[in-house]
Amino acid sequence: MKQFNIRRAALVLLAAGSIHMASAQKIAHLSLDSLVSLMPETKTATEAAQQYLKGLNEESVAMQTEFENKYKDYLEKEATMSELLKRNKQEDLQQLQTRIQEFQRQAEMEYRKKQAELTAPILEKAKKGIEAVAKEGGYKYVLDTSSQNTSVLYSEAGDDILMAVKKKLDAMPPATIPGATPPGTGGIKSPPPAPSKTPQQGK
């Protein structure tokens, strides 16, 4: 019985110590997606990405137009062509179609790469702002509430520091966006091209 009481007392002390440690650790949360959307650099990066995409789409449309014109010309003259010329024209059309498909595939990859490049400095600045506010507020943890998935099984209700970090970011120098001018300093430089939706190929 005595041994049981000692074990019980030890468990109570251990639980009390755990509660004290948990209460000493302040936890905060914010939506990183919401924070990034509030940053002025995000608009600059989005416009730069759209310019890049526009260039890629224009190139894709030009290639598609070339294919459609050649295909139309082939249909109009097919009846008067020799078999050799027919085969040559058909091979040319097939090769052009393959080039279009390859361009569209690589353009999509380049567009995603450009988006990551433009976003990187924004995320870096956001991270610095979060770290600064967390240290000033004495927070031990800052949780991202952007998505439903989380590795935290339990935590006490924390403080949403979204606007505090936004205020901190407003006082920081603008993040440098590759190929674009800072907000409020003029227009945006036109970056290279990239696709979003590819035009449907004609027959």
C-alpha atoms as a PDB file:
ATOM      1  CA  MET A   1       0.000   0.000   0.000  1.00  0.00           C
ATOM      2  CA  LYS A   2       2.847   2.349   0.887  1.00  0.00           C
ATOM      3  CA  GLN A   3       4.592   1.550  -2.403  1.00  0.00           C
ATOM      4  CA  PHE A   4       1.367   2.316  -4.252  1.00  0.00           C
ATOM      5  CA  ASN A   5       1.058   5.730  -2.558  1.00  0.00           C
ATOM      6  CA  ILE A   6       4.661   6.582  -3.434  1.00  0.00           C
ATOM      7  CA  ARG A   7       4.088   5.696  -7.079  1.00  0.00           C
ATOM      8  CA  ARG A   8       0.855   7.675  -7.108  1.00  0.00           C
ATOM      9  CA  ALA A   9       2.575  10.724  -5.594  1.00  0.00           C
ATOM     10  CA  ALA A  10       5.354  10.450  -8.162  1.00  0.00           C
ATOM     11  CA  LEU A  11       2.827  10.372 -11.011  1.00  0.00           C
ATOM     12  CA  VAL A  12       1.049  13.435  -9.602  1.00  0.00           C
ATOM     13  CA  LEU A  13       4.342  15.347  -9.382  1.00  0.00           C
ATOM     14  CA  LEU A  14       5.287  14.283 -12.891  1.00  0.00           C
ATOM     15  CA  ALA A  15       1.928  15.419 -14.264  1.00  0.00           C
ATOM     16  CA  ALA A  16       2.191  18.726 -12.431  1.00  0.00           C
ATOM     17  CA  GLY A  17       5.666  19.255 -13.850  1.00  0.00           C
ATOM     18  CA  SER A  18       4.443  18.532 -17.365  1.00  0.00           C
ATOM     19  CA  ILE A  19       1.564  20.996 -16.987  1.00  0.00           C
ATOM     20  CA  HIS A  20       3.963  23.651 -15.721  1.00  0.00           C
ATOM     21  CA  MET A  21       6.331  23.091 -18.675  1.00  0.00           C
ATOM     22  CA  ALA A  22       3.461  23.224 -21.173  1.00  0.00           C
ATOM     23  CA  SER A  23       2.083  26.444 -19.710  1.00  0.00           C
ATOM     24  CA  ALA A  24       5.568  28.006 -19.838  1.00  0.00           C
ATOM     25  CA  GLN A  25       5.830  27.396 -23.573  1.00  0.00           C
ATOM     26  CA  LYS A  26       3.798  29.940 -25.529  1.00  0.00           C
ATOM     27  CA  ILE A  27       2.338  28.713 -28.813  1.00  0.00           C
ATOM     28  CA  ALA A  28       1.262  30.956 -31.681  1.00  0.00           C
ATOM     29  CA  HIS A  29      -0.201  30.272 -35.092  1.00  0.00           C
ATOM     30  CA  LEU A  30      -0.818  31.948 -38.411  1.00  0.00           C
ATOM     31  CA  SER A  31      -1.759  31.106 -41.969  1.00  0.00           C
ATOM     32  CA  LEU A  32       1.400  31.399 -44.056  1.00  0.00           C
ATOM     33  CA  ASP A  33      -0.684  31.523 -47.250  1.00  0.00           C
ATOM     34  CA  SER A  34      -2.678  34.461 -45.889  1.00  0.00           C
ATOM     35  CA  LEU A  35       0.477  36.252 -44.758  1.00  0.00           C
ATOM     36  CA  VAL A  36       2.134  35.875 -48.159  1.00  0.00           C
ATOM     37  CA  SER A  37      -1.017  37.106 -49.918  1.00  0.00           C
ATOM     38  CA  LEU A  38      -0.889  40.302 -47.832  1.00  0.00           C
ATOM     39  CA  MET A  39       2.698  41.097 -48.801  1.00  0.00           C
ATOM     40  CA  PRO A  40       3.020  43.698 -51.606  1.00  0.00           C
ATOM     41  CA  GLU A  41       5.871  41.700 -53.143  1.00  0.00           C
ATOM     42  CA  THR A  42       3.402  38.927 -53.935  1.00  0.00           C
ATOM     43  CA  LYS A  43       1.531  41.160 -56.389  1.00  0.00           C
ATOM     44  CA  THR A  44       4.824  42.091 -58.040  1.00  0.00           C
ATOM     45  CA  ALA A  45       5.854  38.439 -58.341  1.00  0.00           C
ATOM     46  CA  THR A  46       2.420  37.442 -59.674  1.00  0.00           C
ATOM     47  CA  GLU A  47       2.535  40.092 -62.392  1.00  0.00           C
ATOM     48  CA  ALA A  48       6.059  39.047 -63.354  1.00  0.00           C
ATOM     49  CA  ALA A  49       4.961  35.401 -63.566  1.00  0.00           C
ATOM     50  CA  GLN A  50       1.988  36.350 -65.735  1.00  0.00           C
ATOM     51  CA  GLN A  51       4.261  38.264 -68.113  1.00  0.00           C
ATOM     52  CA  TYR A  52       6.519  35.227 -68.356  1.00  0.00           C
ATOM     53  CA  LEU A  53       3.508  33.003 -68.998  1.00  0.00           C
ATOM     54  CA  LYS A  54       2.187  35.380 -71.651  1.00  0.00           C
ATOM     55  CA  GLY A  55       5.443  35.110 -73.598  1.00  0.00           C
ATOM     56  CA  LEU A  56       5.362  31.320 -73.505  1.00  0.00           C
ATOM     57  CA  ASN A  57       1.741  31.239 -74.602  1.00  0.00           C
ATOM     58  CA  GLU A  58       2.455  33.569 -77.523  1.00  0.00           C
ATOM     59  CA  GLU A  59       5.241  31.271 -78.688  1.00  0.00           C
ATOM     60  CA  SER A  60       2.961  28.250 -78.357  1.00  0.00           C
ATOM     61  CA  VAL A  61       0.191  29.972 -80.347  1.00  0.00           C
ATOM     62  CA  ALA A  62       2.671  30.915 -83.087  1.00  0.00           C
ATOM     63  CA  MET A  63       3.802  27.305 -83.427  1.00  0.00           C
ATOM     64  CA  GLN A  64       0.206  26.088 -83.451  1.00  0.00           C
ATOM     65  CA  THR A  65      -0.735  28.610 -86.142  1.00  0.00           C
ATOM     66  CA  GLU A  66       2.188  27.434 -88.265  1.00  0.00           C
ATOM     67  CA  PHE A  67       0.995  23.840 -87.906  1.00  0.00           C
ATOM     68  CA  GLU A  68      -2.597  24.711 -88.828  1.00  0.00           C
ATOM     69  CA  ASN A  69      -1.529  26.688 -91.912  1.00  0.00           C
ATOM     70  CA  LYS A  70       0.708  23.886 -93.146  1.00  0.00           C
ATOM     71  CA  TYR A  71      -1.984  21.299 -92.498  1.00  0.00           C
ATOM     72  CA  LYS A  72      -4.573  23.382 -94.389  1.00  0.00           C
ATOM     73  CA  ASP A  73      -2.175  23.782 -97.306  1.00  0.00           C
ATOM     74  CA  TYR A  74      -1.560  20.027 -97.306  1.00  0.00           C
ATOM     75  CA  LEU A  75      -5.292  19.248 -97.485  1.00  0.00           C
ATOM     76  CA  GLU A  76      -5.830  21.704-100.323  1.00  0.00           C
ATOM     77  CA  LYS A  77      -3.017  20.249-102.452  1.00  0.00           C
ATOM     78  CA  GLU A  78      -3.173  16.605-101.372  1.00  0.00           C
ATOM     79  CA  ALA A  79      -5.094  15.469-104.468  1.00  0.00           C
ATOM     80  CA  THR A  80      -2.382  16.754-106.832  1.00  0.00           C
ATOM     81  CA  MET A  81       0.616  15.545-104.819  1.00  0.00           C
ATOM     82  CA  SER A  82       2.790  12.607-105.689  1.00  0.00           C
ATOM     83  CA  GLU A  83       3.078   9.846-103.085  1.00  0.00           C
ATOM     84  CA  LEU A  84       6.654  10.916-102.293  1.00  0.00           C
ATOM     85  CA  LEU A  85       5.624  14.520-101.714  1.00  0.00           C
ATOM     86  CA  LYS A  86       2.686  13.374 -99.594  1.00  0.00           C
ATOM     87  CA  ARG A  87       4.988  11.366 -97.338  1.00  0.00           C
ATOM     88  CA  ASN A  88       7.372  14.294 -96.994  1.00  0.00           C
ATOM     89  CA  LYS A  89       4.561  16.684 -96.091  1.00  0.00           C
ATOM     90  CA  GLN A  90       3.106  14.222 -93.610  1.00  0.00           C
ATOM     91  CA  GLU A  91       6.493  13.734 -91.951  1.00  0.00           C
ATOM     92  CA  ASP A  92       6.955  17.511 -91.717  1.00  0.00           C
ATOM     93  CA  LEU A  93       3.561  17.868 -90.055  1.00  0.00           C
ATOM     94  CA  GLN A  94       4.271  15.061 -87.602  1.00  0.00           C
ATOM     95  CA  GLN A  95       7.649  16.543 -86.677  1.00  0.00           C
ATOM     96  CA  LEU A  96       6.136  19.983 -86.162  1.00  0.00           C
ATOM     97  CA  GLN A  97       3.390  18.519 -84.001  1.00  0.00           C
ATOM     98  CA  THR A  98       6.004  16.702 -81.911  1.00  0.00           C
ATOM     99  CA  ARG A  99       7.979  19.940 -81.476  1.00  0.00           C
ATOM    100  CA  ILE A 100       4.833  21.728 -80.302  1.00  0.00           C
ATOM    101  CA  GLN A 101       4.088  19.045 -77.737  1.00  0.00           C
ATOM    102  CA  GLU A 102       7.687  19.069 -76.475  1.00  0.00           C
ATOM    103  CA  PHE A 103       7.676  22.868 -76.249  1.00  0.00           C
ATOM    104  CA  GLN A 104       4.465  22.836 -74.237  1.00  0.00           C
ATOM    105  CA  ARG A 105       5.854  20.203 -71.867  1.00  0.00           C
ATOM    106  CA  GLN A 106       9.097  22.080 -71.255  1.00  0.00           C
ATOM    107  CA  ALA A 107       7.324  25.429 -71.058  1.00  0.00           C
ATOM    108  CA  GLU A 108       5.174  24.155 -68.207  1.00  0.00           C
ATOM    109  CA  MET A 109       8.310  23.073 -66.330  1.00  0.00           C
ATOM    110  CA  GLU A 110       9.998  26.426 -66.961  1.00  0.00           C
ATOM    111  CA  TYR A 111       6.927  28.297 -65.763  1.00  0.00           C
ATOM    112  CA  ARG A 112       6.862  26.392 -62.480  1.00  0.00           C
ATOM    113  CA  LYS A 113      10.582  27.002 -62.088  1.00  0.00           C
ATOM    114  CA  LYS A 114      10.044  30.731 -62.654  1.00  0.00           C
ATOM    115  CA  GLN A 115       7.231  30.793 -60.089  1.00  0.00           C
ATOM    116  CA  ALA A 116       9.495  29.162 -57.489  1.00  0.00           C
ATOM    117  CA  GLU A 117      12.263  31.630 -58.298  1.00  0.00           C
ATOM    118  CA  LEU A 118       9.937  34.610 -57.875  1.00  0.00           C
ATOM    119  CA  THR A 119       8.393  33.257 -54.665  1.00  0.00           C
ATOM    120  CA  ALA A 120      11.628  32.298 -52.874  1.00  0.00           C
ATOM    121  CA  PRO A 121      12.617  35.800 -51.670  1.00  0.00           C
ATOM    122  CA  ILE A 122       9.057  36.442 -50.465  1.00  0.00           C
ATOM    123  CA  LEU A 123       9.010  33.289 -48.357  1.00  0.00           C
ATOM    124  CA  GLU A 124      12.456  34.128 -46.998  1.00  0.00           C
ATOM    125  CA  LYS A 125      11.286  37.575 -45.898  1.00  0.00           C
ATOM    126  CA  ALA A 126       8.121  36.094 -44.345  1.00  0.00           C
ATOM    127  CA  LYS A 127      10.254  33.603 -42.413  1.00  0.00           C
ATOM    128  CA  LYS A 128      12.406  36.410 -41.019  1.00  0.00           C
ATOM    129  CA  GLY A 129       9.325  38.363 -39.978  1.00  0.00           C
ATOM    130  CA  ILE A 130       7.846  35.317 -38.229  1.00  0.00           C
ATOM    131  CA  GLU A 131      11.095  34.664 -36.377  1.00  0.00           C
ATOM    132  CA  ALA A 132      11.318  38.305 -35.260  1.00  0.00           C
ATOM    133  CA  VAL A 133       7.746  38.405 -33.910  1.00  0.00           C
ATOM    134  CA  ALA A 134       8.141  34.995 -32.247  1.00  0.00           C
ATOM    135  CA  LYS A 135      11.254  36.163 -30.369  1.00  0.00           C
ATOM    136  CA  GLU A 136       9.655  39.456 -29.360  1.00  0.00           C
ATOM    137  CA  GLY A 137       6.520  37.683 -28.110  1.00  0.00           C
ATOM    138  CA  GLY A 138       8.379  34.867 -26.383  1.00  0.00           C
ATOM    139  CA  TYR A 139       6.653  32.177 -28.463  1.00  0.00           C
ATOM    140  CA  LYS A 140       8.210  28.720 -28.400  1.00  0.00           C
ATOM    141  CA  TYR A 141       6.227  27.460 -31.352  1.00  0.00           C
ATOM    142  CA  VAL A 142       4.501  29.050 -34.332  1.00  0.00           C
ATOM    143  CA  LEU A 143       2.172  26.756 -36.213  1.00  0.00           C
ATOM    144  CA  ASP A 144       1.143  27.117 -39.849  1.00  0.00           C
ATOM    145  CA  THR A 145      -2.639  26.849 -40.193  1.00  0.00           C
ATOM    146  CA  SER A 146      -2.674  27.107 -44.004  1.00  0.00           C
ATOM    147  CA  SER A 147      -3.838  23.510 -44.418  1.00  0.00           C
ATOM    148  CA  GLN A 148      -5.731  20.917 -42.408  1.00  0.00           C
ATOM    149  CA  ASN A 149      -2.737  18.582 -42.252  1.00  0.00           C
ATOM    150  CA  THR A 150      -0.473  18.976 -39.230  1.00  0.00           C
ATOM    151  CA  SER A 151       1.999  16.872 -37.291  1.00  0.00           C
ATOM    152  CA  VAL A 152       0.870  18.376 -33.951  1.00  0.00           C
ATOM    153  CA  LEU A 153      -1.510  16.070 -32.135  1.00  0.00           C
ATOM    154  CA  TYR A 154      -2.400  18.419 -29.295  1.00  0.00           C
ATOM    155  CA  SER A 155      -1.686  22.004 -28.328  1.00  0.00           C
ATOM    156  CA  GLU A 156      -3.317  24.676 -26.232  1.00  0.00           C
ATOM    157  CA  ALA A 157      -5.012  27.527 -28.041  1.00  0.00           C
ATOM    158  CA  GLY A 158      -2.378  29.893 -29.345  1.00  0.00           C
ATOM    159  CA  ASP A 159      -2.329  33.498 -30.513  1.00  0.00           C
ATOM    160  CA  ASP A 160      -2.775  34.375 -34.178  1.00  0.00           C
ATOM    161  CA  ILE A 161       0.192  36.635 -34.971  1.00  0.00           C
ATOM    162  CA  LEU A 162      -0.676  37.173 -38.643  1.00  0.00           C
ATOM    163  CA  MET A 163      -1.219  40.939 -38.410  1.00  0.00           C
ATOM    164  CA  ALA A 164       1.745  41.405 -36.058  1.00  0.00           C
ATOM    165  CA  VAL A 165       4.021  39.764 -38.613  1.00  0.00           C
ATOM    166  CA  LYS A 166       2.383  41.789 -41.423  1.00  0.00           C
ATOM    167  CA  LYS A 167       3.173  44.987 -39.494  1.00  0.00           C
ATOM    168  CA  LYS A 168       6.754  43.784 -39.029  1.00  0.00           C
ATOM    169  CA  LEU A 169       7.076  43.036 -42.764  1.00  0.00           C
ATOM    170  CA  ASP A 170       5.762  46.493 -43.678  1.00  0.00           C
ATOM    171  CA  ALA A 171       8.708  48.001 -41.814  1.00  0.00           C
ATOM    172  CA  MET A 172      11.213  45.750 -43.602  1.00  0.00           C
ATOM    173  CA  PRO A 173      12.836  46.492 -47.001  1.00  0.00           C
ATOM    174  CA  PRO A 174      10.974  44.975 -49.977  1.00  0.00           C
ATOM    175  CA  ALA A 175      12.086  41.508 -51.072  1.00  0.00           C
ATOM    176  CA  THR A 176      14.032  41.585 -54.329  1.00  0.00           C
ATOM    177  CA  ILE A 177      12.031  39.859 -57.068  1.00  0.00           C
ATOM    178  CA  PRO A 178      14.233  38.592 -59.944  1.00  0.00           C
ATOM    179  CA  GLY A 179      13.487  40.414 -63.198  1.00  0.00           C
ATOM    180  CA  ALA A 180      10.981  42.819 -61.653  1.00  0.00           C
ATOM    181  CA  THR A 181      11.072  46.326 -60.207  1.00  0.00           C
ATOM    182  CA  PRO A 182      10.178  46.849 -56.511  1.00  0.00           C
ATOM    183  CA  PRO A 183       6.587  47.905 -55.675  1.00  0.00           C
ATOM    184  CA  GLY A 184       5.935  51.590 -56.328  1.00  0.00           C
ATOM    185  CA  THR A 185       9.052  52.155 -58.434  1.00  0.00           C
ATOM    186  CA  GLY A 186       7.600  51.714 -61.907  1.00  0.00           C
ATOM    187  CA  GLY A 187       6.557  48.988 -64.273  1.00  0.00           C
ATOM    188  CA  ILE A 188       7.591  45.378 -64.346  1.00  0.00           C
ATOM    189  CA  LYS A 189      10.256  44.062 -66.617  1.00  0.00           C
ATOM    190  CA  SER A 190       8.991  41.529 -69.074  1.00  0.00           C
ATOM    191  CA  PRO A 191      10.446  38.086 -68.315  1.00  0.00           C
ATOM    192  CA  PRO A 192      10.758  35.237 -70.839  1.00  0.00           C
ATOM    193  CA  PRO A 193       7.660  33.206 -71.904  1.00  0.00           C
ATOM    194  CA  ALA A 194       5.578  30.180 -70.158  1.00  0.00           C
ATOM    195  CA  PRO A 195       2.271  28.179 -70.524  1.00  0.00           C
ATOM    196  CA  SER A 196      -0.767  27.653 -68.469  1.00  0.00           C
ATOM    197  CA  LYS A 197      -3.135  26.191 -70.957  1.00  0.00           C
ATOM    198  CA  THR A 198      -1.975  25.071 -74.332  1.00  0.00           C
ATOM    199  CA  PRO A 199      -4.092  25.725 -77.407  1.00  0.00           C
ATOM    200  CA  GLN A 200      -5.963  22.809 -78.863  1.00  0.00           C
ATOM    201  CA  GLN A 201      -4.264  21.490 -81.940  1.00  0.00           C
ATOM    202  CA  GLY A 202      -6.118  21.732 -85.183  1.00  0.00           C
ATOM    203  CA  LYS A 203      -6.548  19.160 -87.815  1.00  0.00           C
END
